[in-house]
Amino acid sequence: MTNSDGLSHRLKNAQQPAQESKPRDALFVGSVEKAFMVLEAFRGHSALSLSEVAITTGLGKSAAQRFCHTLVELGYLKRDPRSRQLKPAVRLLELGFSYSISEPIISAAAPFLLRAREKSNKAVNLALPRGTDVVYVMRQTYEDSPYGNPPVGGRVPMFCTASGRAYLAALPREECDAILAQSPLQPFTPHTLTELEDIQASLEVARQRGFASADQECIVGERTIGAPIYDRFGRVIASMNICVYGNDWTMAKVDKTYGDLLLHTARQITEAVSNNPNFS
């Protein structure tokens, strides 16, 4: 495994939260929860054996086998005929497409993200919060990126990413502190800030200038800046970032070159959201 692969593996593992406790009321269907536990076991994994599904979900092997068989029959999983390993199937992507066309912030942000991508010739992403992480729901890559075409749905920690810090910095202080208290502050590169005092200092800088930064904290060679996006009531609901790769860049150079474009784009998206009747 290369250093890059190892980092990717650690990131993916970090993106898998412990199973959240669900309310057990008269309407709650436990078997549906277990079926989704099986599907979520594949987050960050291209293939799993039946035993690995059972271990990851905590289900017995017999129960895991029944759920996996059902999901294969329904088209949400597929089984490799040679290795017998299970893999996510294309029908899952159809569910993601349904989300993409129904989420109003994606349609509101799309033209502005594309314009920012064209002006910067750098990768531009839109992220939504989920727990202590952010999930990238729209990604505009560029041809010189060393990481190819990163898929939508990638999940990364808030504490060490520009998009996450931008979101955190725009929250009320008590909400920000609560998220940080729940975050596993583990390093992903030698540059990752893991001391709470250092992270808080970076958030304070973000509050003062309006955007956050992360210098090679998730991926060596990647420098990013991120800005918050607000709804019509002034509540932060999302964030966007611009990513730059290469040793010829410094964080100061990224800030100076793309900071104004980042802030301008985030303001445009905020205005579009505020004028969109689909937002409450």
Protein backbone atom coordinates (compact mmCIF):
# COMPACT_ATOMS: atom_id res chain seq x y z
CA MET A 1 0.00 0.00 0.00
CA THR A 2 1.43 3.42 -0.94
CA ASN A 3 1.44 6.39 1.43
CA SER A 4 -1.42 7.88 -0.56
CA ASP A 5 -3.39 4.65 -0.37
CA GLY A 6 -2.73 4.41 3.34
CA LEU A 7 -4.00 7.93 3.91
CA SER A 8 -7.09 7.21 1.84
CA HIS A 9 -7.68 4.08 3.88
CA ARG A 10 -7.39 5.97 7.18
CA LEU A 11 -9.70 8.70 5.92
CA LYS A 12 -12.31 6.18 4.88
CA ASN A 13 -12.12 4.43 8.23
CA ALA A 14 -12.50 7.76 9.99
CA GLN A 15 -15.61 8.43 7.95
CA GLN A 16 -17.39 5.40 9.38
CA PRO A 17 -19.11 6.50 12.57
CA ALA A 18 -20.36 4.10 15.19
CA GLN A 19 -23.94 3.06 14.69
CA GLU A 20 -26.17 5.76 16.08
CA SER A 21 -28.85 4.71 18.50
CA LYS A 22 -32.33 4.98 17.02
CA PRO A 23 -35.59 5.54 18.84
CA ARG A 24 -37.49 2.34 19.47
CA ASP A 25 -41.08 3.46 19.11
CA ALA A 26 -44.10 1.67 17.72
CA LEU A 27 -43.41 2.90 14.18
CA PHE A 28 -39.70 2.05 14.09
CA VAL A 29 -38.89 -0.98 11.90
CA GLY A 30 -35.75 -2.67 13.16
CA SER A 31 -35.27 -4.83 10.07
CA VAL A 32 -35.09 -1.73 7.87
CA GLU A 33 -32.41 -0.32 10.15
CA LYS A 34 -30.42 -3.55 9.81
CA ALA A 35 -30.70 -3.50 6.03
CA PHE A 36 -29.25 0.01 5.97
CA MET A 37 -26.54 -1.06 8.41
CA VAL A 38 -25.49 -3.61 5.79
CA LEU A 39 -25.43 -0.99 3.04
CA GLU A 40 -23.52 1.47 5.23
CA ALA A 41 -20.91 -1.19 5.94
CA PHE A 42 -19.63 -0.56 2.41
CA ARG A 43 -18.84 3.10 3.07
CA GLY A 44 -15.17 3.38 2.17
CA HIS A 45 -14.95 -0.20 0.89
CA SER A 46 -15.23 -1.37 -2.70
CA ALA A 47 -16.00 -4.97 -1.68
CA LEU A 48 -16.63 -7.01 1.47
CA SER A 49 -16.96 -10.67 2.23
CA LEU A 50 -20.01 -11.94 4.07
CA SER A 51 -17.89 -12.39 7.20
CA GLU A 52 -16.67 -8.80 6.97
CA VAL A 53 -20.24 -7.55 6.62
CA ALA A 54 -21.21 -9.49 9.73
CA ILE A 55 -18.26 -8.13 11.71
CA THR A 56 -18.77 -4.54 10.57
CA THR A 57 -22.49 -4.48 11.31
CA GLY A 58 -22.46 -6.64 14.42
CA LEU A 59 -25.07 -8.91 12.88
CA GLY A 60 -24.77 -12.66 13.15
CA LYS A 61 -23.47 -14.33 10.02
CA SER A 62 -26.83 -15.98 9.30
CA ALA A 63 -28.68 -12.65 9.58
CA ALA A 64 -26.03 -10.90 7.49
CA GLN A 65 -26.40 -13.58 4.82
CA ARG A 66 -30.16 -13.09 4.63
CA PHE A 67 -29.91 -9.32 4.40
CA CYS A 68 -27.14 -9.48 1.80
CA HIS A 69 -29.08 -12.00 -0.29
CA THR A 70 -32.17 -9.78 -0.20
CA LEU A 71 -30.19 -6.69 -1.18
CA VAL A 72 -28.57 -8.59 -4.05
CA GLU A 73 -31.98 -9.72 -5.27
CA LEU A 74 -33.25 -6.13 -5.08
CA GLY A 75 -30.27 -4.83 -7.03
CA TYR A 76 -28.60 -2.74 -4.30
CA LEU A 77 -25.66 -5.15 -3.92
CA LYS A 78 -23.98 -7.47 -6.39
CA ARG A 79 -21.87 -10.58 -5.83
CA ASP A 80 -18.61 -11.19 -7.64
CA PRO A 81 -19.00 -14.61 -9.28
CA ARG A 82 -15.33 -15.51 -8.73
CA SER A 83 -14.42 -14.10 -5.31
CA ARG A 84 -18.00 -14.24 -3.93
CA GLN A 85 -17.38 -10.84 -2.39
CA LEU A 86 -20.22 -8.37 -2.22
CA LYS A 87 -20.10 -4.94 -3.85
CA PRO A 88 -22.43 -1.91 -4.05
CA ALA A 89 -24.57 -2.05 -7.20
CA VAL A 90 -25.69 0.65 -9.59
CA ARG A 91 -29.17 0.91 -8.08
CA LEU A 92 -27.62 2.66 -5.09
CA LEU A 93 -26.49 5.41 -7.43
CA GLU A 94 -30.08 5.89 -8.52
CA LEU A 95 -30.95 6.75 -4.91
CA GLY A 96 -28.12 9.26 -4.84
CA PHE A 97 -29.40 10.82 -8.03
CA SER A 98 -32.84 11.21 -6.46
CA TYR A 99 -31.23 13.12 -3.60
CA SER A 100 -29.17 15.30 -5.93
CA ILE A 101 -32.14 16.51 -7.95
CA SER A 102 -34.29 17.10 -4.87
CA GLU A 103 -31.75 19.02 -2.74
CA PRO A 104 -32.33 22.71 -3.55
CA ILE A 105 -28.91 23.94 -2.43
CA ILE A 106 -27.23 21.84 -5.14
CA SER A 107 -29.24 23.42 -7.92
CA ALA A 108 -28.84 26.87 -6.37
CA ALA A 109 -25.06 26.53 -6.03
CA ALA A 110 -24.26 24.72 -9.29
CA PRO A 111 -23.86 27.68 -11.69
CA PHE A 112 -21.70 29.63 -9.23
CA LEU A 113 -19.46 26.66 -8.44
CA LEU A 114 -18.97 26.05 -12.16
CA ARG A 115 -18.07 29.71 -12.70
CA ALA A 116 -15.57 29.57 -9.82
CA ARG A 117 -14.06 26.44 -11.31
CA GLU A 118 -13.68 28.16 -14.70
CA LYS A 119 -12.14 31.30 -13.19
CA SER A 120 -9.72 29.45 -10.91
CA ASN A 121 -8.98 26.33 -12.96
CA LYS A 122 -8.89 24.56 -9.60
CA ALA A 123 -11.10 22.01 -7.89
CA VAL A 124 -14.23 23.49 -6.28
CA ASN A 125 -16.55 21.59 -3.93
CA LEU A 126 -19.84 22.04 -2.08
CA ALA A 127 -20.20 20.35 1.31
CA LEU A 128 -23.05 19.72 3.74
CA PRO A 129 -22.62 18.87 7.44
CA ARG A 130 -23.22 15.41 8.85
CA GLY A 131 -22.35 14.85 12.48
CA THR A 132 -18.70 15.77 13.02
CA ASP A 133 -17.96 15.52 9.28
CA VAL A 134 -18.88 17.20 6.03
CA VAL A 135 -20.11 15.35 2.96
CA TYR A 136 -19.24 16.61 -0.52
CA VAL A 137 -22.49 16.82 -2.48
CA MET A 138 -21.06 18.54 -5.55
CA ARG A 139 -17.52 18.44 -6.92
CA GLN A 140 -15.97 20.38 -9.79
CA THR A 141 -12.52 18.94 -10.46
CA TYR A 142 -9.86 20.08 -12.90
CA GLU A 143 -7.66 18.25 -15.36
CA ASP A 144 -4.36 18.64 -13.50
CA SER A 145 -5.60 17.23 -10.21
CA PRO A 146 -3.45 14.28 -9.10
CA TYR A 147 -6.48 12.64 -7.55
CA GLY A 148 -8.53 12.13 -10.69
CA ASN A 149 -12.26 12.63 -10.38
CA PRO A 150 -13.19 12.33 -6.68
CA PRO A 151 -16.74 11.03 -6.33
CA VAL A 152 -19.65 12.86 -4.80
CA GLY A 153 -20.51 11.54 -1.35
CA GLY A 154 -17.00 11.64 0.09
CA ARG A 155 -17.05 12.30 3.81
CA VAL A 156 -14.24 14.02 5.71
CA PRO A 157 -13.80 15.38 9.25
CA MET A 158 -14.72 18.99 9.95
CA PHE A 159 -11.84 19.73 12.29
CA CYS A 160 -9.04 19.40 9.71
CA THR A 161 -10.65 20.50 6.44
CA ALA A 162 -11.24 24.00 5.11
CA SER A 163 -14.88 23.31 4.26
CA GLY A 164 -15.45 21.84 7.72
CA ARG A 165 -13.70 24.66 9.53
CA ALA A 166 -15.65 27.22 7.53
CA TYR A 167 -18.86 25.59 8.74
CA LEU A 168 -17.64 25.32 12.33
CA ALA A 169 -16.47 28.93 12.47
CA ALA A 170 -19.90 30.17 11.34
CA LEU A 171 -21.77 28.26 14.03
CA PRO A 172 -22.64 29.69 17.45
CA ARG A 173 -19.65 29.03 19.72
CA GLU A 174 -21.43 26.46 21.89
CA GLU A 175 -22.46 24.40 18.85
CA CYS A 176 -18.96 24.57 17.43
CA ASP A 177 -17.44 23.47 20.75
CA ALA A 178 -19.91 20.58 21.02
CA ILE A 179 -18.93 19.23 17.60
CA LEU A 180 -15.22 19.51 18.38
CA ALA A 181 -15.75 17.72 21.69
CA GLN A 182 -17.24 14.77 19.80
CA SER A 183 -14.60 14.75 17.06
CA PRO A 184 -11.79 12.16 17.09
CA LEU A 185 -8.83 14.49 16.63
CA GLN A 186 -6.56 12.03 14.88
CA PRO A 187 -3.80 13.00 12.44
CA PHE A 188 -4.12 12.16 8.74
CA THR A 189 -0.81 13.70 7.70
CA PRO A 190 2.18 15.12 9.57
CA HIS A 191 0.57 18.55 9.08
CA THR A 192 -2.80 17.81 10.73
CA LEU A 193 -3.64 20.05 13.67
CA THR A 194 -4.85 17.79 16.50
CA GLU A 195 -4.47 20.03 19.54
CA LEU A 196 -7.78 21.64 20.40
CA GLU A 197 -6.09 24.96 21.17
CA ASP A 198 -4.53 25.07 17.68
CA ILE A 199 -7.81 24.17 15.99
CA GLN A 200 -9.65 26.85 17.96
CA ALA A 201 -7.01 29.38 16.91
CA SER A 202 -7.51 28.48 13.25
CA LEU A 203 -11.27 28.89 13.67
CA GLU A 204 -10.80 32.31 15.22
CA VAL A 205 -8.74 33.38 12.20
CA ALA A 206 -11.54 32.08 9.96
CA ARG A 207 -14.12 34.13 11.87
CA GLN A 208 -12.06 37.29 11.49
CA ARG A 209 -11.38 37.06 7.74
CA GLY A 210 -14.52 35.19 6.64
CA PHE A 211 -12.91 32.00 5.32
CA ALA A 212 -10.98 29.03 6.66
CA SER A 213 -7.88 27.23 5.45
CA ALA A 214 -6.23 23.83 5.79
CA ASP A 215 -2.60 23.31 4.80
CA GLN A 216 -2.02 19.66 3.78
CA GLU A 217 -3.99 18.42 6.78
CA CYS A 218 -5.91 15.65 5.01
CA ILE A 219 -3.74 15.01 1.96
CA VAL A 220 -0.08 15.90 1.59
CA GLY A 221 0.27 18.51 -1.15
CA GLU A 222 -3.34 19.74 -0.90
CA ARG A 223 -4.02 23.27 0.29
CA THR A 224 -7.63 24.38 0.61
CA ILE A 225 -9.68 27.42 1.57
CA GLY A 226 -13.36 27.25 2.48
CA ALA A 227 -16.22 29.67 3.13
CA PRO A 228 -19.65 29.24 4.78
CA ILE A 229 -23.00 29.44 3.02
CA TYR A 230 -26.04 30.79 4.90
CA ASP A 231 -29.80 30.61 4.60
CA ARG A 232 -32.13 33.61 4.58
CA PHE A 233 -32.13 33.70 8.39
CA GLY A 234 -28.36 33.91 8.65
CA ARG A 235 -27.88 30.30 9.74
CA VAL A 236 -24.94 28.45 8.25
CA ILE A 237 -26.18 25.48 6.22
CA ALA A 238 -23.27 24.48 3.99
CA SER A 239 -19.78 25.40 2.88
CA MET A 240 -17.68 25.45 -0.27
CA ASN A 241 -13.96 25.18 -0.86
CA ILE A 242 -11.28 25.67 -3.49
CA CYS A 243 -8.44 23.11 -3.57
CA VAL A 244 -4.91 23.69 -4.84
CA TYR A 245 -2.26 21.00 -5.27
CA GLY A 246 1.49 21.19 -5.67
CA ASN A 247 4.66 22.22 -3.87
CA ASP A 248 4.86 25.51 -5.77
CA TRP A 249 1.95 26.79 -3.69
CA THR A 250 2.04 28.19 -0.17
CA MET A 251 -1.01 28.76 1.99
CA ALA A 252 -0.44 32.51 1.84
CA LYS A 253 -0.35 32.39 -1.96
CA VAL A 254 -3.59 30.38 -2.08
CA ASP A 255 -5.29 32.85 0.25
CA LYS A 256 -4.17 35.84 -1.81
CA THR A 257 -4.92 34.28 -5.20
CA TYR A 258 -8.32 32.73 -4.53
CA GLY A 259 -9.65 34.22 -1.28
CA ASP A 260 -11.70 36.94 -2.95
CA LEU A 261 -13.13 34.52 -5.52
CA LEU A 262 -14.07 32.10 -2.73
CA LEU A 263 -15.86 34.76 -0.69
CA HIS A 264 -17.61 36.21 -3.74
CA THR A 265 -18.87 32.76 -4.80
CA ALA A 266 -20.08 31.90 -1.29
CA ARG A 267 -21.98 35.20 -1.12
CA GLN A 268 -23.58 34.50 -4.51
CA ILE A 269 -24.75 31.08 -3.36
CA THR A 270 -26.06 32.52 -0.09
CA GLU A 271 -28.04 35.12 -2.06
CA ALA A 272 -29.39 32.43 -4.41
CA VAL A 273 -30.46 30.33 -1.42
CA SER A 274 -32.13 33.32 0.21
CA ASN A 275 -34.14 33.98 -2.96
CA ASN A 276 -35.10 30.33 -3.44
CA PRO A 277 -38.68 29.61 -2.28
CA ASN A 278 -37.78 25.94 -1.75
CA PHE A 279 -35.77 26.90 1.36
CA SER A 280 -37.74 27.36 4.52
